[in-house]
Amino acid sequence: MSEEVEDAAITVPRSMVATVLLNGGLGFGMLIAILFSMGSVDAALETKTGYPIIQIVYNAVEDKLATSAIISILIAMFVFATMSIMASSSRLTWAFARDKGLPYSQALAKIHPRFKLPLNTIILTAGINLLLSLINIASVTAFNAMLSLAVISLYLTYVTPIVLILYLRIKYPKSIDWGPFRMGRIGPAVNTISILYTAYA
């Protein structure tokens, strides 16, 4: 999506850092609130609802209506997050198809004349998401394993460019075409710490 952003080399990294700082701060605040109000860990894990967060909220507010309202806010956040993920994944699929990197690229790269959207890639990514979510019906364990695999895959996508840039810094330092941001001498240390943390995570 950064293809459409003006001055992307500066705007996109700033947006990414701002998002991490904002969401990290809000997430940390929520985590502290949950930990202070959760009560018994065993009671939360053995809840009849099947979702510990619902039991934690209920323990904190002791009212079913208030619990439903708070959980509805969380569900709304998940829905909005899903929409943005769908937008980015369908756009990524479209970009691959446009560059002839996928089977049936010609059909996937088409832009719908009326909606001005890559409708075929939106349908494809929505269909794949729907099919993958059906795994939950057959086996919760398999679905959770798939989610874990997705998280591991994300970490791999984070660490791969870091490993490559560290390799270039050590082996061919003059070959790097730097962008507008650079960490200078502390860069290799930051790269190494990032690799170690990602491997641990």
C-alpha atoms as a PDB file:
ATOM      1  CA  MET A   1       0.000   0.000   0.000  1.00  0.00           C
ATOM      2  CA  SER A   2       3.014   2.269   0.379  1.00  0.00           C
ATOM      3  CA  GLU A   3       3.063   2.673  -3.426  1.00  0.00           C
ATOM      4  CA  GLU A   4       0.234   5.190  -3.014  1.00  0.00           C
ATOM      5  CA  VAL A   5       1.802   7.124  -0.130  1.00  0.00           C
ATOM      6  CA  GLU A   6       3.488  10.420  -0.885  1.00  0.00           C
ATOM      7  CA  ASP A   7       7.178  10.414   0.124  1.00  0.00           C
ATOM      8  CA  ALA A   8       6.829   6.764   1.220  1.00  0.00           C
ATOM      9  CA  ALA A   9      10.483   6.337   2.238  1.00  0.00           C
ATOM     10  CA  ILE A  10       9.905   8.766   5.129  1.00  0.00           C
ATOM     11  CA  THR A  11       6.145   8.573   5.758  1.00  0.00           C
ATOM     12  CA  VAL A  12       5.804   4.774   5.971  1.00  0.00           C
ATOM     13  CA  PRO A  13       8.624   4.178   8.516  1.00  0.00           C
ATOM     14  CA  ARG A  14       7.354   7.068  10.660  1.00  0.00           C
ATOM     15  CA  SER A  15       3.825   5.609  10.539  1.00  0.00           C
ATOM     16  CA  MET A  16       5.121   2.163  11.480  1.00  0.00           C
ATOM     17  CA  VAL A  17       7.078   3.477  14.462  1.00  0.00           C
ATOM     18  CA  ALA A  18       4.151   5.665  15.586  1.00  0.00           C
ATOM     19  CA  THR A  19       1.811   2.661  15.360  1.00  0.00           C
ATOM     20  CA  VAL A  20       4.143   0.490  17.438  1.00  0.00           C
ATOM     21  CA  LEU A  21       4.517   3.218  20.092  1.00  0.00           C
ATOM     22  CA  LEU A  22       0.789   4.016  20.256  1.00  0.00           C
ATOM     23  CA  ASN A  23      -0.473   0.435  20.164  1.00  0.00           C
ATOM     24  CA  GLY A  24       2.346  -0.781  22.404  1.00  0.00           C
ATOM     25  CA  GLY A  25       1.453   1.846  25.020  1.00  0.00           C
ATOM     26  CA  LEU A  26      -2.273   1.135  24.836  1.00  0.00           C
ATOM     27  CA  GLY A  27      -1.688  -2.628  24.827  1.00  0.00           C
ATOM     28  CA  PHE A  28       0.602  -2.381  27.849  1.00  0.00           C
ATOM     29  CA  GLY A  29      -2.053  -0.346  29.688  1.00  0.00           C
ATOM     30  CA  MET A  30      -4.717  -2.934  28.867  1.00  0.00           C
ATOM     31  CA  LEU A  31      -2.409  -5.755  29.944  1.00  0.00           C
ATOM     32  CA  ILE A  32      -1.789  -4.073  33.319  1.00  0.00           C
ATOM     33  CA  ALA A  33      -5.552  -3.572  33.811  1.00  0.00           C
ATOM     34  CA  ILE A  34      -6.271  -7.224  32.957  1.00  0.00           C
ATOM     35  CA  LEU A  35      -3.523  -8.558  35.239  1.00  0.00           C
ATOM     36  CA  PHE A  36      -4.698  -6.459  38.194  1.00  0.00           C
ATOM     37  CA  SER A  37      -8.355  -7.437  37.776  1.00  0.00           C
ATOM     38  CA  MET A  38      -8.182 -11.052  36.625  1.00  0.00           C
ATOM     39  CA  GLY A  39      -8.389 -12.762  40.020  1.00  0.00           C
ATOM     40  CA  SER A  40      -7.767 -16.496  39.933  1.00  0.00           C
ATOM     41  CA  VAL A  41      -5.865 -17.692  36.860  1.00  0.00           C
ATOM     42  CA  ASP A  42      -7.334 -21.198  37.203  1.00  0.00           C
ATOM     43  CA  ALA A  43     -10.894 -19.832  37.332  1.00  0.00           C
ATOM     44  CA  ALA A  44     -10.257 -17.789  34.188  1.00  0.00           C
ATOM     45  CA  LEU A  45      -8.785 -20.762  32.326  1.00  0.00           C
ATOM     46  CA  GLU A  46     -11.574 -23.139  33.402  1.00  0.00           C
ATOM     47  CA  THR A  47     -14.425 -20.755  32.531  1.00  0.00           C
ATOM     48  CA  LYS A  48     -17.623 -22.225  31.062  1.00  0.00           C
ATOM     49  CA  THR A  49     -17.622 -19.535  28.350  1.00  0.00           C
ATOM     50  CA  GLY A  50     -14.515 -21.055  26.753  1.00  0.00           C
ATOM     51  CA  TYR A  51     -12.899 -17.587  26.617  1.00  0.00           C
ATOM     52  CA  PRO A  52     -10.841 -16.532  29.655  1.00  0.00           C
ATOM     53  CA  ILE A  53     -11.096 -12.823  28.762  1.00  0.00           C
ATOM     54  CA  ILE A  54     -14.892 -12.954  29.216  1.00  0.00           C
ATOM     55  CA  GLN A  55     -14.483 -14.461  32.699  1.00  0.00           C
ATOM     56  CA  ILE A  56     -11.805 -11.899  33.603  1.00  0.00           C
ATOM     57  CA  VAL A  57     -14.053  -8.999  32.581  1.00  0.00           C
ATOM     58  CA  TYR A  58     -17.022 -10.537  34.411  1.00  0.00           C
ATOM     59  CA  ASN A  59     -14.916 -10.973  37.568  1.00  0.00           C
ATOM     60  CA  ALA A  60     -13.945  -7.299  37.364  1.00  0.00           C
ATOM     61  CA  VAL A  61     -17.402  -5.770  36.753  1.00  0.00           C
ATOM     62  CA  GLU A  62     -19.687  -8.526  38.167  1.00  0.00           C
ATOM     63  CA  ASP A  63     -22.463  -7.637  35.747  1.00  0.00           C
ATOM     64  CA  LYS A  64     -23.485  -9.587  32.633  1.00  0.00           C
ATOM     65  CA  LEU A  65     -24.678  -6.520  30.716  1.00  0.00           C
ATOM     66  CA  ALA A  66     -21.486  -4.558  31.409  1.00  0.00           C
ATOM     67  CA  THR A  67     -19.404  -7.621  30.493  1.00  0.00           C
ATOM     68  CA  SER A  68     -21.301  -7.963  27.198  1.00  0.00           C
ATOM     69  CA  ALA A  69     -20.733  -4.272  26.433  1.00  0.00           C
ATOM     70  CA  ILE A  70     -16.992  -4.458  27.113  1.00  0.00           C
ATOM     71  CA  ILE A  71     -16.558  -7.690  25.150  1.00  0.00           C
ATOM     72  CA  SER A  72     -18.553  -6.131  22.286  1.00  0.00           C
ATOM     73  CA  ILE A  73     -15.902  -3.401  22.091  1.00  0.00           C
ATOM     74  CA  LEU A  74     -13.208  -6.096  21.806  1.00  0.00           C
ATOM     75  CA  ILE A  75     -15.202  -7.902  19.094  1.00  0.00           C
ATOM     76  CA  ALA A  76     -15.587  -4.615  17.188  1.00  0.00           C
ATOM     77  CA  MET A  77     -11.805  -4.135  17.365  1.00  0.00           C
ATOM     78  CA  PHE A  78     -11.306  -7.636  15.927  1.00  0.00           C
ATOM     79  CA  VAL A  79     -13.766  -6.875  13.097  1.00  0.00           C
ATOM     80  CA  PHE A  80     -11.992  -3.615  12.203  1.00  0.00           C
ATOM     81  CA  ALA A  81      -8.594  -5.339  12.385  1.00  0.00           C
ATOM     82  CA  THR A  82      -9.891  -8.077  10.078  1.00  0.00           C
ATOM     83  CA  MET A  83     -11.021  -5.450   7.563  1.00  0.00           C
ATOM     84  CA  SER A  84      -7.590  -3.823   7.478  1.00  0.00           C
ATOM     85  CA  ILE A  85      -5.884  -7.219   7.211  1.00  0.00           C
ATOM     86  CA  MET A  86      -8.197  -8.119   4.321  1.00  0.00           C
ATOM     87  CA  ALA A  87      -7.386  -4.819   2.623  1.00  0.00           C
ATOM     88  CA  SER A  88      -3.640  -5.328   2.939  1.00  0.00           C
ATOM     89  CA  SER A  89      -3.639  -9.036   2.013  1.00  0.00           C
ATOM     90  CA  SER A  90      -5.878  -8.531  -1.026  1.00  0.00           C
ATOM     91  CA  ARG A  91      -3.725  -5.590  -2.102  1.00  0.00           C
ATOM     92  CA  LEU A  92      -0.562  -7.669  -1.684  1.00  0.00           C
ATOM     93  CA  THR A  93      -2.125 -10.489  -3.715  1.00  0.00           C
ATOM     94  CA  TRP A  94      -3.105  -7.982  -6.400  1.00  0.00           C
ATOM     95  CA  ALA A  95       0.449  -6.575  -6.513  1.00  0.00           C
ATOM     96  CA  PHE A  96       1.892 -10.078  -6.935  1.00  0.00           C
ATOM     97  CA  ALA A  97      -0.633 -10.810  -9.697  1.00  0.00           C
ATOM     98  CA  ARG A  98       0.091  -7.474 -11.403  1.00  0.00           C
ATOM     99  CA  ASP A  99       3.778  -8.427 -11.494  1.00  0.00           C
ATOM    100  CA  LYS A 100       2.834 -11.883 -12.855  1.00  0.00           C
ATOM    101  CA  GLY A 101       3.971 -13.647  -9.688  1.00  0.00           C
ATOM    102  CA  LEU A 102       0.892 -15.829  -9.188  1.00  0.00           C
ATOM    103  CA  PRO A 103      -1.016 -18.439 -11.173  1.00  0.00           C
ATOM    104  CA  TYR A 104      -3.922 -16.868 -13.101  1.00  0.00           C
ATOM    105  CA  SER A 105      -2.250 -13.480 -12.710  1.00  0.00           C
ATOM    106  CA  GLN A 106      -4.183 -11.918 -15.561  1.00  0.00           C
ATOM    107  CA  ALA A 107      -7.540 -12.625 -13.898  1.00  0.00           C
ATOM    108  CA  LEU A 108      -6.338 -11.660 -10.414  1.00  0.00           C
ATOM    109  CA  ALA A 109      -4.754  -8.391 -11.568  1.00  0.00           C
ATOM    110  CA  LYS A 110      -8.011  -7.053 -13.064  1.00  0.00           C
ATOM    111  CA  ILE A 111      -9.516  -3.954 -11.519  1.00  0.00           C
ATOM    112  CA  HIS A 112     -13.315  -3.953 -11.436  1.00  0.00           C
ATOM    113  CA  PRO A 113     -14.473  -1.151 -13.764  1.00  0.00           C
ATOM    114  CA  ARG A 114     -17.362  -0.025 -11.552  1.00  0.00           C
ATOM    115  CA  PHE A 115     -15.936  -0.397  -8.034  1.00  0.00           C
ATOM    116  CA  LYS A 116     -12.312   0.465  -8.960  1.00  0.00           C
ATOM    117  CA  LEU A 117     -11.129  -2.378  -6.726  1.00  0.00           C
ATOM    118  CA  PRO A 118      -9.189  -5.610  -7.320  1.00  0.00           C
ATOM    119  CA  LEU A 119     -12.408  -7.563  -6.719  1.00  0.00           C
ATOM    120  CA  ASN A 120     -10.977 -10.934  -7.789  1.00  0.00           C
ATOM    121  CA  THR A 121      -8.162 -10.770  -5.248  1.00  0.00           C
ATOM    122  CA  ILE A 122     -10.560  -9.620  -2.525  1.00  0.00           C
ATOM    123  CA  ILE A 123     -12.799 -12.624  -3.238  1.00  0.00           C
ATOM    124  CA  LEU A 124      -9.776 -14.956  -3.319  1.00  0.00           C
ATOM    125  CA  THR A 125      -8.315 -13.757   0.007  1.00  0.00           C
ATOM    126  CA  ALA A 126     -11.756 -13.711   1.675  1.00  0.00           C
ATOM    127  CA  GLY A 127     -12.387 -17.250   0.409  1.00  0.00           C
ATOM    128  CA  ILE A 128      -9.042 -18.516   1.705  1.00  0.00           C
ATOM    129  CA  ASN A 129      -9.689 -16.893   5.102  1.00  0.00           C
ATOM    130  CA  LEU A 130     -13.143 -18.454   5.230  1.00  0.00           C
ATOM    131  CA  LEU A 131     -11.820 -21.918   4.365  1.00  0.00           C
ATOM    132  CA  LEU A 132      -9.030 -21.647   6.940  1.00  0.00           C
ATOM    133  CA  SER A 133     -11.489 -20.579   9.640  1.00  0.00           C
ATOM    134  CA  LEU A 134     -13.537 -23.742   8.994  1.00  0.00           C
ATOM    135  CA  ILE A 135     -10.614 -25.746  10.428  1.00  0.00           C
ATOM    136  CA  ASN A 136     -11.781 -24.494  13.850  1.00  0.00           C
ATOM    137  CA  ILE A 137     -14.996 -26.513  13.453  1.00  0.00           C
ATOM    138  CA  ALA A 138     -13.094 -29.754  12.823  1.00  0.00           C
ATOM    139  CA  SER A 139     -10.297 -29.275  15.348  1.00  0.00           C
ATOM    140  CA  VAL A 140      -9.547 -26.412  17.721  1.00  0.00           C
ATOM    141  CA  THR A 141      -6.045 -27.821  18.244  1.00  0.00           C
ATOM    142  CA  ALA A 142      -5.315 -27.780  14.517  1.00  0.00           C
ATOM    143  CA  PHE A 143      -6.674 -24.231  14.240  1.00  0.00           C
ATOM    144  CA  ASN A 144      -4.502 -23.033  17.146  1.00  0.00           C
ATOM    145  CA  ALA A 145      -1.478 -24.739  15.575  1.00  0.00           C
ATOM    146  CA  MET A 146      -2.226 -22.887  12.329  1.00  0.00           C
ATOM    147  CA  LEU A 147      -2.431 -19.572  14.208  1.00  0.00           C
ATOM    148  CA  SER A 148       0.889 -20.340  15.909  1.00  0.00           C
ATOM    149  CA  LEU A 149       2.392 -21.068  12.506  1.00  0.00           C
ATOM    150  CA  ALA A 150       1.128 -17.689  11.277  1.00  0.00           C
ATOM    151  CA  VAL A 151       2.817 -15.916  14.212  1.00  0.00           C
ATOM    152  CA  ILE A 152       6.080 -17.794  13.583  1.00  0.00           C
ATOM    153  CA  SER A 153       5.844 -16.870   9.895  1.00  0.00           C
ATOM    154  CA  LEU A 154       5.429 -13.203  10.820  1.00  0.00           C
ATOM    155  CA  TYR A 155       8.555 -13.346  12.983  1.00  0.00           C
ATOM    156  CA  LEU A 156      10.429 -14.973  10.099  1.00  0.00           C
ATOM    157  CA  THR A 157       9.408 -12.113   7.802  1.00  0.00           C
ATOM    158  CA  TYR A 158      10.688  -9.649  10.415  1.00  0.00           C
ATOM    159  CA  VAL A 159      14.031 -11.349  11.022  1.00  0.00           C
ATOM    160  CA  THR A 160      14.943 -12.184   7.412  1.00  0.00           C
ATOM    161  CA  PRO A 161      15.687  -8.599   6.275  1.00  0.00           C
ATOM    162  CA  ILE A 162      17.484  -7.905   9.557  1.00  0.00           C
ATOM    163  CA  VAL A 163      19.774 -10.922   9.031  1.00  0.00           C
ATOM    164  CA  LEU A 164      20.426  -9.867   5.433  1.00  0.00           C
ATOM    165  CA  ILE A 165      21.222  -6.244   6.287  1.00  0.00           C
ATOM    166  CA  LEU A 166      23.556  -7.375   9.097  1.00  0.00           C
ATOM    167  CA  TYR A 167      25.289  -9.734   6.676  1.00  0.00           C
ATOM    168  CA  LEU A 168      25.739  -6.896   4.165  1.00  0.00           C
ATOM    169  CA  ARG A 169      26.988  -4.531   6.894  1.00  0.00           C
ATOM    170  CA  ILE A 170      29.701  -7.015   7.846  1.00  0.00           C
ATOM    171  CA  LYS A 171      30.609  -8.496   4.451  1.00  0.00           C
ATOM    172  CA  TYR A 172      29.920  -5.691   1.932  1.00  0.00           C
ATOM    173  CA  PRO A 173      29.393  -2.419   3.843  1.00  0.00           C
ATOM    174  CA  LYS A 174      29.843  -0.176   0.796  1.00  0.00           C
ATOM    175  CA  SER A 175      27.221  -2.048  -1.243  1.00  0.00           C
ATOM    176  CA  ILE A 176      24.266  -0.826   0.840  1.00  0.00           C
ATOM    177  CA  ASP A 177      22.119   1.877  -0.718  1.00  0.00           C
ATOM    178  CA  TRP A 178      20.870   3.570   2.453  1.00  0.00           C
ATOM    179  CA  GLY A 179      17.469   5.216   2.686  1.00  0.00           C
ATOM    180  CA  PRO A 180      16.670   8.400   4.629  1.00  0.00           C
ATOM    181  CA  PHE A 181      17.004   6.675   8.043  1.00  0.00           C
ATOM    182  CA  ARG A 182      20.192   5.141   9.382  1.00  0.00           C
ATOM    183  CA  MET A 183      21.323   4.135  12.875  1.00  0.00           C
ATOM    184  CA  GLY A 184      25.026   4.559  12.204  1.00  0.00           C
ATOM    185  CA  ARG A 185      27.460   2.721  14.484  1.00  0.00           C
ATOM    186  CA  ILE A 186      24.798   1.299  16.786  1.00  0.00           C
ATOM    187  CA  GLY A 187      23.009  -0.319  13.812  1.00  0.00           C
ATOM    188  CA  PRO A 188      24.829  -3.689  13.935  1.00  0.00           C
ATOM    189  CA  ALA A 189      24.222  -3.968  17.711  1.00  0.00           C
ATOM    190  CA  VAL A 190      20.528  -3.203  17.224  1.00  0.00           C
ATOM    191  CA  ASN A 191      20.389  -5.759  14.390  1.00  0.00           C
ATOM    192  CA  THR A 192      22.027  -8.413  16.592  1.00  0.00           C
ATOM    193  CA  ILE A 193      19.697  -7.731  19.527  1.00  0.00           C
ATOM    194  CA  SER A 194      16.710  -7.863  17.148  1.00  0.00           C
ATOM    195  CA  ILE A 195      17.806 -11.242  15.771  1.00  0.00           C
ATOM    196  CA  LEU A 196      18.367 -12.687  19.256  1.00  0.00           C
ATOM    197  CA  TYR A 197      15.022 -11.387  20.540  1.00  0.00           C
ATOM    198  CA  THR A 198      13.124 -12.673  17.500  1.00  0.00           C
ATOM    199  CA  ALA A 199      14.771 -16.095  17.803  1.00  0.00           C
ATOM    200  CA  TYR A 200      13.757 -16.181  21.485  1.00  0.00           C
ATOM    201  CA  ALA A 201      10.193 -15.010  20.743  1.00  0.00           C
END
